Amino acid sequence: MNRRQGGLGLIEILVAVLVFAVGLLGLVGAQVSAKRNGLEAQQRSTATALARDLLERMRSNPRQLQAYLLDNAAPADAAPITSPTCARSSAAGAGAHRCTPAELAAHDLGEWLQLLAGAAAVATVDGVERPVAGLLEPRACVAVASGRVSVAIAWRGLQPLTGSAESSCGAGGGWYGPADELRRVLVMRSWIGWSATGAGG
């Protein structure tokens, strides 16, 4: 009788361990999924902020909208961020001149492309500064037609999804998988008017 009760106790322990292990695996899987979803949401929020940032830069320089055109541009395509040789405001210091619209557009684009990869937030690792924010393998496309501006930003997602038909930005280049299954894209549109006084609308 005692032997029988001991055997039943061992089986119960094994079942309890199995149930615990299955539950633990489920919990770990849920945490991994939550972390992945959190990163996806963070990337989309970052892309939204970056698209708004570029639209505002363009709105402040409406006479140079065509200078902001981009076609699958990556951060590596940007010139290094340097202080412009001109002043952005009318209060130019001695030896400096006020930025022309073309100079401002060139500086804006260089700076913004670096922001795509997180140039504004860096950490030093092994003596080398590396970005700690930004988008994963970003590409940017900007189109302008009669004051209608479209800013599209593509980046690499973590899980395969069907591609977005809203924009072809980043598509077909092999950057996001053979069938662009990892491509994520955000498109923001606006209208930027321009008058003879240079004021944006």
C-alpha atoms as a PDB file:
ATOM      1  CA  MET A   1       0.000   0.000   0.000  1.00  0.00           C
ATOM      2  CA  ASN A   2       2.782   2.431   0.871  1.00  0.00           C
ATOM      3  CA  ARG A   3       4.669   1.570  -2.332  1.00  0.00           C
ATOM      4  CA  ARG A   4       1.558   2.354  -4.365  1.00  0.00           C
ATOM      5  CA  GLN A   5       1.119   5.740  -2.684  1.00  0.00           C
ATOM      6  CA  GLY A   6       4.826   6.556  -3.281  1.00  0.00           C
ATOM      7  CA  GLY A   7       4.459   5.790  -7.002  1.00  0.00           C
ATOM      8  CA  LEU A   8       1.421   8.012  -7.297  1.00  0.00           C
ATOM      9  CA  GLY A   9       3.324  10.816  -5.532  1.00  0.00           C
ATOM     10  CA  LEU A  10       6.192  10.586  -8.057  1.00  0.00           C
ATOM     11  CA  ILE A  11       3.761  10.743 -10.986  1.00  0.00           C
ATOM     12  CA  GLU A  12       2.075  13.772  -9.463  1.00  0.00           C
ATOM     13  CA  ILE A  13       5.457  15.497  -9.081  1.00  0.00           C
ATOM     14  CA  LEU A  14       6.364  14.761 -12.703  1.00  0.00           C
ATOM     15  CA  VAL A  15       3.004  16.092 -13.910  1.00  0.00           C
ATOM     16  CA  ALA A  16       3.435  19.215 -11.779  1.00  0.00           C
ATOM     17  CA  VAL A  17       6.951  19.789 -13.209  1.00  0.00           C
ATOM     18  CA  LEU A  18       5.614  19.327 -16.733  1.00  0.00           C
ATOM     19  CA  VAL A  19       2.761  21.794 -16.163  1.00  0.00           C
ATOM     20  CA  PHE A  20       5.199  24.286 -14.611  1.00  0.00           C
ATOM     21  CA  ALA A  21       7.620  23.926 -17.562  1.00  0.00           C
ATOM     22  CA  VAL A  22       4.843  24.440 -20.116  1.00  0.00           C
ATOM     23  CA  GLY A  23       3.609  27.488 -18.221  1.00  0.00           C
ATOM     24  CA  LEU A  24       7.130  28.895 -17.988  1.00  0.00           C
ATOM     25  CA  LEU A  25       7.680  28.430 -21.721  1.00  0.00           C
ATOM     26  CA  GLY A  26       4.375  30.175 -22.417  1.00  0.00           C
ATOM     27  CA  LEU A  27       5.389  33.084 -20.171  1.00  0.00           C
ATOM     28  CA  VAL A  28       8.776  33.436 -21.885  1.00  0.00           C
ATOM     29  CA  GLY A  29       7.079  33.331 -25.297  1.00  0.00           C
ATOM     30  CA  ALA A  30       4.618  36.017 -24.235  1.00  0.00           C
ATOM     31  CA  GLN A  31       7.456  38.239 -22.991  1.00  0.00           C
ATOM     32  CA  VAL A  32       9.391  37.827 -26.248  1.00  0.00           C
ATOM     33  CA  SER A  33       6.256  38.636 -28.254  1.00  0.00           C
ATOM     34  CA  ALA A  34       5.517  41.700 -26.097  1.00  0.00           C
ATOM     35  CA  LYS A  35       9.087  42.944 -26.485  1.00  0.00           C
ATOM     36  CA  ARG A  36       8.918  42.453 -30.265  1.00  0.00           C
ATOM     37  CA  ASN A  37       5.586  44.280 -30.486  1.00  0.00           C
ATOM     38  CA  GLY A  38       6.955  47.063 -28.301  1.00  0.00           C
ATOM     39  CA  LEU A  39       9.943  47.539 -30.604  1.00  0.00           C
ATOM     40  CA  GLU A  40       7.678  47.570 -33.673  1.00  0.00           C
ATOM     41  CA  ALA A  41       5.512  50.266 -32.053  1.00  0.00           C
ATOM     42  CA  GLN A  42       8.577  52.273 -31.056  1.00  0.00           C
ATOM     43  CA  GLN A  43       9.934  52.120 -34.619  1.00  0.00           C
ATOM     44  CA  ARG A  44       6.614  53.357 -36.030  1.00  0.00           C
ATOM     45  CA  SER A  45       6.524  56.227 -33.503  1.00  0.00           C
ATOM     46  CA  THR A  46      10.091  57.162 -34.434  1.00  0.00           C
ATOM     47  CA  ALA A  47       9.237  57.112 -38.149  1.00  0.00           C
ATOM     48  CA  THR A  48       6.198  59.333 -37.508  1.00  0.00           C
ATOM     49  CA  ALA A  49       8.274  61.888 -35.587  1.00  0.00           C
ATOM     50  CA  LEU A  50      10.970  61.893 -38.280  1.00  0.00           C
ATOM     51  CA  ALA A  51       8.446  62.392 -41.096  1.00  0.00           C
ATOM     52  CA  ARG A  52       6.893  65.322 -39.231  1.00  0.00           C
ATOM     53  CA  ASP A  53      10.347  66.772 -38.612  1.00  0.00           C
ATOM     54  CA  LEU A  54      11.227  66.768 -42.315  1.00  0.00           C
ATOM     55  CA  LEU A  55       7.859  68.250 -43.292  1.00  0.00           C
ATOM     56  CA  GLU A  56       8.430  71.113 -40.850  1.00  0.00           C
ATOM     57  CA  ARG A  57      11.930  71.698 -42.231  1.00  0.00           C
ATOM     58  CA  MET A  58      10.441  71.873 -45.720  1.00  0.00           C
ATOM     59  CA  ARG A  59       7.638  74.140 -44.538  1.00  0.00           C
ATOM     60  CA  SER A  60      10.226  76.611 -43.201  1.00  0.00           C
ATOM     61  CA  ASN A  61      12.039  76.607 -46.569  1.00  0.00           C
ATOM     62  CA  PRO A  62       9.185  76.459 -49.136  1.00  0.00           C
ATOM     63  CA  ARG A  63      11.139  77.938 -52.051  1.00  0.00           C
ATOM     64  CA  GLN A  64      13.455  74.898 -52.082  1.00  0.00           C
ATOM     65  CA  LEU A  65      10.955  72.018 -51.993  1.00  0.00           C
ATOM     66  CA  GLN A  66      12.566  70.371 -55.030  1.00  0.00           C
ATOM     67  CA  ALA A  67      15.912  70.287 -53.193  1.00  0.00           C
ATOM     68  CA  TYR A  68      14.422  67.887 -50.628  1.00  0.00           C
ATOM     69  CA  LEU A  69      13.589  65.125 -53.123  1.00  0.00           C
ATOM     70  CA  LEU A  70      14.832  61.675 -52.081  1.00  0.00           C
ATOM     71  CA  ASP A  71      14.645  58.259 -53.725  1.00  0.00           C
ATOM     72  CA  ASN A  72      15.400  55.351 -51.363  1.00  0.00           C
ATOM     73  CA  ALA A  73      18.053  57.412 -49.584  1.00  0.00           C
ATOM     74  CA  ALA A  74      19.863  55.821 -46.636  1.00  0.00           C
ATOM     75  CA  PRO A  75      21.778  57.507 -43.784  1.00  0.00           C
ATOM     76  CA  ALA A  76      25.047  56.470 -45.476  1.00  0.00           C
ATOM     77  CA  ASP A  77      24.087  58.732 -48.387  1.00  0.00           C
ATOM     78  CA  ALA A  78      24.210  61.817 -46.158  1.00  0.00           C
ATOM     79  CA  ALA A  79      27.201  64.045 -45.712  1.00  0.00           C
ATOM     80  CA  PRO A  80      28.601  64.117 -42.153  1.00  0.00           C
ATOM     81  CA  ILE A  81      26.762  66.505 -39.842  1.00  0.00           C
ATOM     82  CA  THR A  82      28.714  69.733 -39.606  1.00  0.00           C
ATOM     83  CA  SER A  83      27.790  73.220 -38.535  1.00  0.00           C
ATOM     84  CA  PRO A  84      26.661  75.176 -41.575  1.00  0.00           C
ATOM     85  CA  THR A  85      29.075  77.823 -42.832  1.00  0.00           C
ATOM     86  CA  CYS A  86      26.179  80.247 -42.702  1.00  0.00           C
ATOM     87  CA  ALA A  87      23.809  81.449 -39.991  1.00  0.00           C
ATOM     88  CA  ARG A  88      20.200  80.298 -40.000  1.00  0.00           C
ATOM     89  CA  SER A  89      18.867  83.569 -38.628  1.00  0.00           C
ATOM     90  CA  SER A  90      19.285  87.161 -39.809  1.00  0.00           C
ATOM     91  CA  ALA A  91      21.618  87.740 -36.831  1.00  0.00           C
ATOM     92  CA  ALA A  92      24.687  86.467 -38.710  1.00  0.00           C
ATOM     93  CA  GLY A  93      27.902  86.937 -36.800  1.00  0.00           C
ATOM     94  CA  ALA A  94      31.025  88.609 -38.096  1.00  0.00           C
ATOM     95  CA  GLY A  95      32.338  86.844 -41.185  1.00  0.00           C
ATOM     96  CA  ALA A  96      29.148  84.792 -41.616  1.00  0.00           C
ATOM     97  CA  HIS A  97      26.292  85.324 -44.017  1.00  0.00           C
ATOM     98  CA  ARG A  98      22.666  84.362 -43.740  1.00  0.00           C
ATOM     99  CA  CYS A  99      21.953  80.871 -45.135  1.00  0.00           C
ATOM    100  CA  THR A 100      20.536  80.844 -48.622  1.00  0.00           C
ATOM    101  CA  PRO A 101      17.497  78.595 -49.101  1.00  0.00           C
ATOM    102  CA  ALA A 102      19.696  76.122 -51.023  1.00  0.00           C
ATOM    103  CA  GLU A 103      22.293  75.988 -48.227  1.00  0.00           C
ATOM    104  CA  LEU A 104      19.580  75.455 -45.643  1.00  0.00           C
ATOM    105  CA  ALA A 105      18.008  72.631 -47.680  1.00  0.00           C
ATOM    106  CA  ALA A 106      21.362  70.853 -48.084  1.00  0.00           C
ATOM    107  CA  HIS A 107      22.070  71.100 -44.357  1.00  0.00           C
ATOM    108  CA  ASP A 108      18.538  69.983 -43.449  1.00  0.00           C
ATOM    109  CA  LEU A 109      18.773  66.881 -45.627  1.00  0.00           C
ATOM    110  CA  GLY A 110      22.208  65.864 -44.360  1.00  0.00           C
ATOM    111  CA  GLU A 111      21.162  66.302 -40.747  1.00  0.00           C
ATOM    112  CA  TRP A 112      17.809  64.561 -41.206  1.00  0.00           C
ATOM    113  CA  LEU A 113      19.240  61.515 -42.975  1.00  0.00           C
ATOM    114  CA  GLN A 114      21.626  61.053 -40.059  1.00  0.00           C
ATOM    115  CA  LEU A 115      18.674  61.256 -37.654  1.00  0.00           C
ATOM    116  CA  LEU A 116      17.072  58.300 -39.446  1.00  0.00           C
ATOM    117  CA  ALA A 117      19.802  56.090 -38.020  1.00  0.00           C
ATOM    118  CA  GLY A 118      19.695  57.690 -34.576  1.00  0.00           C
ATOM    119  CA  ALA A 119      22.571  60.146 -34.896  1.00  0.00           C
ATOM    120  CA  ALA A 120      20.974  62.311 -32.202  1.00  0.00           C
ATOM    121  CA  ALA A 121      21.363  59.565 -29.574  1.00  0.00           C
ATOM    122  CA  VAL A 122      24.746  57.869 -29.380  1.00  0.00           C
ATOM    123  CA  ALA A 123      26.608  55.746 -26.860  1.00  0.00           C
ATOM    124  CA  THR A 124      30.316  55.003 -26.749  1.00  0.00           C
ATOM    125  CA  VAL A 125      31.044  51.281 -27.060  1.00  0.00           C
ATOM    126  CA  ASP A 126      34.692  50.177 -27.090  1.00  0.00           C
ATOM    127  CA  GLY A 127      35.746  53.740 -27.796  1.00  0.00           C
ATOM    128  CA  VAL A 128      33.441  54.066 -30.799  1.00  0.00           C
ATOM    129  CA  GLU A 129      30.291  56.185 -30.854  1.00  0.00           C
ATOM    130  CA  ARG A 130      27.291  54.175 -32.086  1.00  0.00           C
ATOM    131  CA  PRO A 131      23.648  55.217 -32.522  1.00  0.00           C
ATOM    132  CA  VAL A 132      21.291  53.829 -29.870  1.00  0.00           C
ATOM    133  CA  ALA A 133      18.043  55.069 -31.402  1.00  0.00           C
ATOM    134  CA  GLY A 134      16.661  55.509 -34.867  1.00  0.00           C
ATOM    135  CA  LEU A 135      15.237  53.030 -37.350  1.00  0.00           C
ATOM    136  CA  LEU A 136      16.493  49.615 -38.449  1.00  0.00           C
ATOM    137  CA  GLU A 137      17.982  49.899 -41.957  1.00  0.00           C
ATOM    138  CA  PRO A 138      15.943  52.965 -42.939  1.00  0.00           C
ATOM    139  CA  ARG A 139      15.294  54.300 -46.440  1.00  0.00           C
ATOM    140  CA  ALA A 140      13.554  57.582 -47.240  1.00  0.00           C
ATOM    141  CA  CYS A 141      11.596  58.799 -50.249  1.00  0.00           C
ATOM    142  CA  VAL A 142      10.345  62.356 -50.701  1.00  0.00           C
ATOM    143  CA  ALA A 143       8.134  63.441 -53.598  1.00  0.00           C
ATOM    144  CA  VAL A 144       6.859  66.936 -54.409  1.00  0.00           C
ATOM    145  CA  ALA A 145       4.217  67.874 -56.970  1.00  0.00           C
ATOM    146  CA  SER A 146       2.571  71.324 -57.108  1.00  0.00           C
ATOM    147  CA  GLY A 147       2.990  71.893 -53.381  1.00  0.00           C
ATOM    148  CA  ARG A 148       1.796  68.404 -52.437  1.00  0.00           C
ATOM    149  CA  VAL A 149       4.542  66.753 -50.426  1.00  0.00           C
ATOM    150  CA  SER A 150       4.839  63.063 -49.583  1.00  0.00           C
ATOM    151  CA  VAL A 151       7.410  61.742 -47.120  1.00  0.00           C
ATOM    152  CA  ALA A 152       7.760  57.954 -46.992  1.00  0.00           C
ATOM    153  CA  ILE A 153      10.082  56.126 -44.613  1.00  0.00           C
ATOM    154  CA  ALA A 154      10.796  52.401 -44.878  1.00  0.00           C
ATOM    155  CA  TRP A 155      12.584  50.267 -42.298  1.00  0.00           C
ATOM    156  CA  ARG A 156      13.175  46.633 -41.358  1.00  0.00           C
ATOM    157  CA  GLY A 157      10.578  44.931 -39.179  1.00  0.00           C
ATOM    158  CA  LEU A 158      11.144  41.879 -37.017  1.00  0.00           C
ATOM    159  CA  GLN A 159       8.511  39.538 -38.446  1.00  0.00           C
ATOM    160  CA  PRO A 160       7.437  38.808 -42.016  1.00  0.00           C
ATOM    161  CA  LEU A 161       4.298  40.665 -43.109  1.00  0.00           C
ATOM    162  CA  THR A 162       2.665  41.406 -46.418  1.00  0.00           C
ATOM    163  CA  GLY A 163       4.130  44.497 -48.039  1.00  0.00           C
ATOM    164  CA  SER A 164       2.419  47.860 -47.904  1.00  0.00           C
ATOM    165  CA  ALA A 165       0.804  49.021 -51.134  1.00  0.00           C
ATOM    166  CA  GLU A 166       0.661  52.615 -49.844  1.00  0.00           C
ATOM    167  CA  SER A 167       4.205  53.352 -51.023  1.00  0.00           C
ATOM    168  CA  SER A 168       6.915  51.590 -52.979  1.00  0.00           C
ATOM    169  CA  CYS A 169       9.638  53.229 -50.882  1.00  0.00           C
ATOM    170  CA  GLY A 170      12.265  50.633 -49.996  1.00  0.00           C
ATOM    171  CA  ALA A 171      10.630  47.970 -52.162  1.00  0.00           C
ATOM    172  CA  GLY A 172      12.479  45.782 -54.625  1.00  0.00           C
ATOM    173  CA  GLY A 173      15.982  46.581 -53.406  1.00  0.00           C
ATOM    174  CA  GLY A 174      16.515  43.419 -51.400  1.00  0.00           C
ATOM    175  CA  TRP A 175      17.009  45.396 -48.191  1.00  0.00           C
ATOM    176  CA  TYR A 176      13.994  43.858 -46.450  1.00  0.00           C
ATOM    177  CA  GLY A 177      14.054  40.273 -47.656  1.00  0.00           C
ATOM    178  CA  PRO A 178      13.610  38.699 -51.104  1.00  0.00           C
ATOM    179  CA  ALA A 179       9.896  39.515 -51.197  1.00  0.00           C
ATOM    180  CA  ASP A 180      10.096  42.639 -48.984  1.00  0.00           C
ATOM    181  CA  GLU A 181       8.386  40.595 -46.277  1.00  0.00           C
ATOM    182  CA  LEU A 182      10.205  42.529 -43.530  1.00  0.00           C
ATOM    183  CA  ARG A 183       9.534  45.964 -44.999  1.00  0.00           C
ATOM    184  CA  ARG A 184       7.609  48.446 -42.896  1.00  0.00           C
ATOM    185  CA  VAL A 185       6.659  51.795 -44.364  1.00  0.00           C
ATOM    186  CA  LEU A 186       5.057  54.989 -43.104  1.00  0.00           C
ATOM    187  CA  VAL A 187       3.784  57.710 -45.438  1.00  0.00           C
ATOM    188  CA  MET A 188       2.914  61.247 -44.386  1.00  0.00           C
ATOM    189  CA  ARG A 189       1.469  63.789 -46.800  1.00  0.00           C
ATOM    190  CA  SER A 190       1.015  67.537 -46.567  1.00  0.00           C
ATOM    191  CA  TRP A 191       0.566  70.600 -48.712  1.00  0.00           C
ATOM    192  CA  ILE A 192       3.169  73.340 -48.562  1.00  0.00           C
ATOM    193  CA  GLY A 193       2.300  76.560 -50.322  1.00  0.00           C
ATOM    194  CA  TRP A 194       4.626  79.374 -51.240  1.00  0.00           C
ATOM    195  CA  SER A 195       4.016  83.038 -51.907  1.00  0.00           C
ATOM    196  CA  ALA A 196       6.220  85.785 -53.279  1.00  0.00           C
ATOM    197  CA  THR A 197       7.146  86.763 -49.738  1.00  0.00           C
ATOM    198  CA  GLY A 198       8.463  83.227 -49.110  1.00  0.00           C
ATOM    199  CA  ALA A 199       5.834  82.350 -46.537  1.00  0.00           C
ATOM    200  CA  GLY A 200       4.714  78.753 -46.364  1.00  0.00           C
ATOM    201  CA  GLY A 201       1.031  77.856 -46.163  1.00  0.00           C
END
